[in-house]
């Protein structure tokens, strides 16, 4: 395989953790239609498509900073991940769990729904971009993989200010977060806790990306 790897993620902050060669990164978890357009444009001449970044846990036993490598995706689309690619990713991230992901474009903030989705879909984690990336990969017959770092636990309810924080271009909508905090000041402590978790996950993303290496370990 000689083509580049398309890496799909949500926040621009996640993009900034990637420095390796042989990849084209696109962000935009807040805008699935726009994200698909970006992925399709980047997929010309690509050898594979990868979903990467932070992820919410759907099962107990996953801590902030833990890595999960997908073996399949459910939700808007049901698709098996490329087994060889998944095995290589797991080998480069010692301790990473292999399991299912769920994605339908929503940021799941309810503990009850997180746990229910984990059971009903036999999934370990959830994100907002994998279903878009998977659809393009399936249509183009390209290998598809998911590798993500846990940023919030299964029993952690995301505060409202966090659920409105993603801009369509992958940026952070600080004004929306401040409006939410002004309307619901009681969430301040949980915002602090959540952002601390995100910071821990971002730090681990930077470390993990280095371990994964060029072309996100596809065909290496």
Protein backbone atom coordinates (compact mmCIF):
# COMPACT_ATOMS: atom_id res chain seq x y z
CA UNK A 1 0.00 0.00 0.00
CA UNK A 2 1.41 3.35 -1.02
CA UNK A 3 -1.49 5.78 -0.70
CA UNK A 4 -2.11 8.04 2.26
CA UNK A 5 -4.43 7.30 5.16
CA UNK A 6 -7.42 9.55 5.79
CA UNK A 7 -7.84 10.26 9.50
CA UNK A 8 -11.26 11.52 10.61
CA UNK A 9 -11.70 13.21 13.97
CA UNK A 10 -13.91 15.72 15.75
CA UNK A 11 -11.95 18.58 17.28
CA UNK A 12 -9.08 20.57 15.81
CA UNK A 13 -7.30 19.89 19.10
CA UNK A 14 -7.26 16.22 18.17
CA UNK A 15 -5.80 17.06 14.77
CA UNK A 16 -2.94 18.83 16.54
CA UNK A 17 -1.84 15.57 18.20
CA UNK A 18 -0.91 14.04 14.85
CA UNK A 19 2.47 14.75 13.30
CA UNK A 20 3.27 11.58 11.36
CA UNK A 21 3.78 11.25 7.62
CA UNK A 22 1.45 9.61 5.13
CA UNK A 23 -1.83 10.91 6.53
CA UNK A 24 -4.47 13.49 5.66
CA UNK A 25 -6.49 14.61 8.69
CA UNK A 26 -10.00 16.07 8.57
CA UNK A 27 -12.07 17.37 11.50
CA UNK A 28 -15.68 18.30 11.97
CA UNK A 29 -17.63 16.11 14.36
CA UNK A 30 -20.23 18.83 14.81
CA UNK A 31 -21.18 18.71 11.12
CA UNK A 32 -21.62 15.17 9.71
CA UNK A 33 -22.56 16.42 6.24
CA UNK A 34 -19.53 18.67 6.04
CA UNK A 35 -17.30 15.97 7.51
CA UNK A 36 -18.40 13.51 4.85
CA UNK A 37 -17.57 16.02 2.11
CA UNK A 38 -14.09 16.47 3.60
CA UNK A 39 -13.50 12.74 3.93
CA UNK A 40 -14.66 12.05 0.38
CA UNK A 41 -12.35 14.74 -0.99
CA UNK A 42 -9.40 13.42 1.04
CA UNK A 43 -10.11 9.79 0.09
CA UNK A 44 -8.97 10.16 -3.53
CA UNK A 45 -5.93 7.91 -3.84
CA UNK A 46 -6.16 6.80 -0.19
CA UNK A 47 -5.26 3.32 1.07
CA UNK A 48 -7.52 3.42 4.12
CA UNK A 49 -9.72 5.49 6.42
CA UNK A 50 -9.27 5.71 10.19
CA UNK A 51 -11.47 7.20 12.92
CA UNK A 52 -9.27 8.71 15.64
CA UNK A 53 -9.52 10.91 18.73
CA UNK A 54 -11.34 11.04 22.04
CA UNK A 55 -14.17 8.69 22.92
CA UNK A 56 -16.73 8.13 25.64
CA UNK A 57 -16.79 4.80 27.44
CA UNK A 58 -19.93 2.68 27.22
CA UNK A 59 -18.77 -0.03 29.61
CA UNK A 60 -17.29 -0.20 33.08
CA UNK A 61 -13.60 -0.94 33.41
CA UNK A 62 -12.36 1.75 31.02
CA UNK A 63 -10.49 4.67 32.58
CA UNK A 64 -9.69 8.08 31.15
CA UNK A 65 -6.61 7.72 28.98
CA UNK A 66 -7.26 4.08 28.05
CA UNK A 67 -7.08 3.17 24.37
CA UNK A 68 -9.73 1.22 22.50
CA UNK A 69 -9.16 -0.30 19.06
CA UNK A 70 -12.33 -1.11 17.15
CA UNK A 71 -13.15 -4.54 15.78
CA UNK A 72 -16.57 -3.43 14.51
CA UNK A 73 -18.89 -0.44 14.40
CA UNK A 74 -22.62 -0.27 15.02
CA UNK A 75 -25.19 2.53 15.08
CA UNK A 76 -25.97 4.37 11.87
CA UNK A 77 -23.90 1.79 9.97
CA UNK A 78 -22.80 -1.73 10.90
CA UNK A 79 -19.32 -2.49 9.62
CA UNK A 80 -16.46 -4.76 10.63
CA UNK A 81 -13.10 -3.04 11.01
CA UNK A 82 -10.10 -4.33 9.08
CA UNK A 83 -8.74 -7.14 11.29
CA UNK A 84 -5.09 -6.86 10.25
CA UNK A 85 -5.03 -3.11 10.74
CA UNK A 86 -6.74 -3.42 14.12
CA UNK A 87 -4.19 -6.02 15.22
CA UNK A 88 -1.29 -3.76 14.23
CA UNK A 89 -2.80 -0.79 16.09
CA UNK A 90 -3.34 -2.88 19.20
CA UNK A 91 0.26 -4.13 19.03
CA UNK A 92 1.54 -0.55 18.96
CA UNK A 93 -0.59 0.50 21.92
CA UNK A 94 0.18 -1.93 24.78
CA UNK A 95 -2.86 -2.39 26.99
CA UNK A 96 -5.36 -1.20 24.38
CA UNK A 97 -8.73 -2.94 24.48
CA UNK A 98 -10.20 -4.46 21.33
CA UNK A 99 -13.96 -4.15 20.97
CA UNK A 100 -16.99 -2.57 19.42
CA UNK A 101 -17.79 1.10 18.89
CA UNK A 102 -21.15 2.84 18.53
CA UNK A 103 -21.71 6.02 16.51
CA UNK A 104 -24.81 7.78 15.24
CA UNK A 105 -23.63 11.41 15.32
CA UNK A 106 -24.81 12.28 18.82
CA UNK A 107 -22.76 13.18 21.86
CA UNK A 108 -24.23 10.74 24.39
CA UNK A 109 -24.45 12.57 27.72
CA UNK A 110 -26.75 10.32 29.75
CA UNK A 111 -25.25 7.63 31.96
CA UNK A 112 -28.31 5.42 31.50
CA UNK A 113 -28.09 5.65 27.71
CA UNK A 114 -24.34 5.05 27.71
CA UNK A 115 -24.71 1.84 29.68
CA UNK A 116 -27.74 0.72 27.67
CA UNK A 117 -25.94 1.26 24.35
CA UNK A 118 -22.93 -0.62 25.63
CA UNK A 119 -25.10 -3.63 26.43
CA UNK A 120 -27.43 -3.57 23.42
CA UNK A 121 -24.66 -3.03 20.87
CA UNK A 122 -21.93 -4.92 22.76
CA UNK A 123 -19.82 -1.79 22.40
CA UNK A 124 -17.00 -0.44 24.54
CA UNK A 125 -17.02 3.17 23.36
CA UNK A 126 -18.88 5.87 21.45
CA UNK A 127 -17.81 8.75 19.22
CA UNK A 128 -19.35 11.22 16.76
CA UNK A 129 -17.37 10.59 13.58
CA UNK A 130 -16.85 6.87 13.01
CA UNK A 131 -20.15 6.30 11.21
CA UNK A 132 -19.34 8.99 8.64
CA UNK A 133 -15.83 7.66 8.04
CA UNK A 134 -17.10 4.07 7.87
CA UNK A 135 -19.73 4.93 5.26
CA UNK A 136 -17.16 6.45 2.92
CA UNK A 137 -14.76 3.54 3.46
CA UNK A 138 -17.50 1.00 2.69
CA UNK A 139 -18.58 2.80 -0.46
CA UNK A 140 -15.00 3.00 -1.75
CA UNK A 141 -13.97 -0.48 -0.66
CA UNK A 142 -11.21 0.85 1.58
CA UNK A 143 -9.92 -0.69 4.83
CA UNK A 144 -11.50 0.97 7.87
CA UNK A 145 -10.21 1.17 11.44
CA UNK A 146 -10.99 2.94 14.70
CA UNK A 147 -8.47 3.86 17.40
CA UNK A 148 -9.57 6.19 20.16
CA UNK A 149 -8.70 7.27 23.68
CA UNK A 150 -11.27 7.36 26.50
CA UNK A 151 -12.03 10.90 27.68
CA UNK A 152 -15.09 10.29 29.88
CA UNK A 153 -16.19 7.23 31.80
CA UNK A 154 -19.35 5.23 31.29
CA UNK A 155 -20.84 6.53 34.54
CA UNK A 156 -19.97 10.17 33.95
CA UNK A 157 -22.80 12.40 32.70
CA UNK A 158 -21.46 15.08 30.38
CA UNK A 159 -22.54 18.59 31.45
CA UNK A 160 -24.67 20.61 29.06
CA UNK A 161 -21.88 23.10 28.38
CA UNK A 162 -19.75 20.30 26.98
CA UNK A 163 -22.49 18.90 24.74
CA UNK A 164 -22.85 22.28 23.00
CA UNK A 165 -19.12 22.95 22.72
CA UNK A 166 -18.32 21.52 19.28
CA UNK A 167 -18.38 23.87 16.31
CA UNK A 168 -19.03 22.45 12.80
CA UNK A 169 -15.43 23.20 11.78
CA UNK A 170 -13.95 21.22 14.67
CA UNK A 171 -13.30 24.25 16.87
CA UNK A 172 -14.57 24.84 20.40
CA UNK A 173 -17.59 27.13 20.79
CA UNK A 174 -16.57 29.02 23.91
CA UNK A 175 -19.54 31.40 23.70
CA UNK A 176 -22.02 28.52 23.69
CA UNK A 177 -20.28 27.04 26.71
CA UNK A 178 -20.44 30.35 28.59
CA UNK A 179 -24.12 30.78 27.76
CA UNK A 180 -24.81 27.29 29.06
CA UNK A 181 -22.85 27.97 32.24
CA UNK A 182 -24.70 31.23 32.83
CA UNK A 183 -28.04 29.46 32.45
CA UNK A 184 -27.00 26.46 34.53
CA UNK A 185 -24.31 27.57 37.02
CA UNK A 186 -24.62 24.34 38.99
CA UNK A 187 -22.67 22.48 36.33
CA UNK A 188 -19.44 24.41 37.00
CA UNK A 189 -17.78 21.68 39.06
CA UNK A 190 -18.67 19.00 36.54
CA UNK A 191 -17.33 21.12 33.68
CA UNK A 192 -14.02 21.33 35.54
CA UNK A 193 -14.00 17.57 36.07
CA UNK A 194 -14.89 16.89 32.44
CA UNK A 195 -12.31 19.25 30.96
CA UNK A 196 -9.66 17.71 33.21
CA UNK A 197 -10.56 14.33 31.73
CA UNK A 198 -10.34 15.72 28.22
CA UNK A 199 -6.90 17.18 29.00
CA UNK A 200 -5.72 13.77 30.26
CA UNK A 201 -7.02 12.10 27.11
CA UNK A 202 -5.38 14.70 24.86
CA UNK A 203 -2.05 14.09 26.56
CA UNK A 204 -2.42 10.36 25.95
CA UNK A 205 -3.43 10.98 22.32
CA UNK A 206 -0.14 12.77 21.72
CA UNK A 207 1.84 9.90 23.26
CA UNK A 208 -0.17 7.25 21.45
CA UNK A 209 0.09 8.92 18.06
CA UNK A 210 3.87 8.72 18.30
CA UNK A 211 3.66 5.01 19.10
CA UNK A 212 1.29 4.34 16.19
CA UNK A 213 3.73 5.88 13.73
CA UNK A 214 3.58 6.72 9.99
CA UNK A 215 0.38 6.09 8.03
CA UNK A 216 -1.33 5.15 11.29
CA UNK A 217 0.27 1.69 11.06
CA UNK A 218 -1.56 0.69 7.87
CA UNK A 219 0.53 -1.63 5.73
CA UNK A 220 3.72 -0.93 7.68
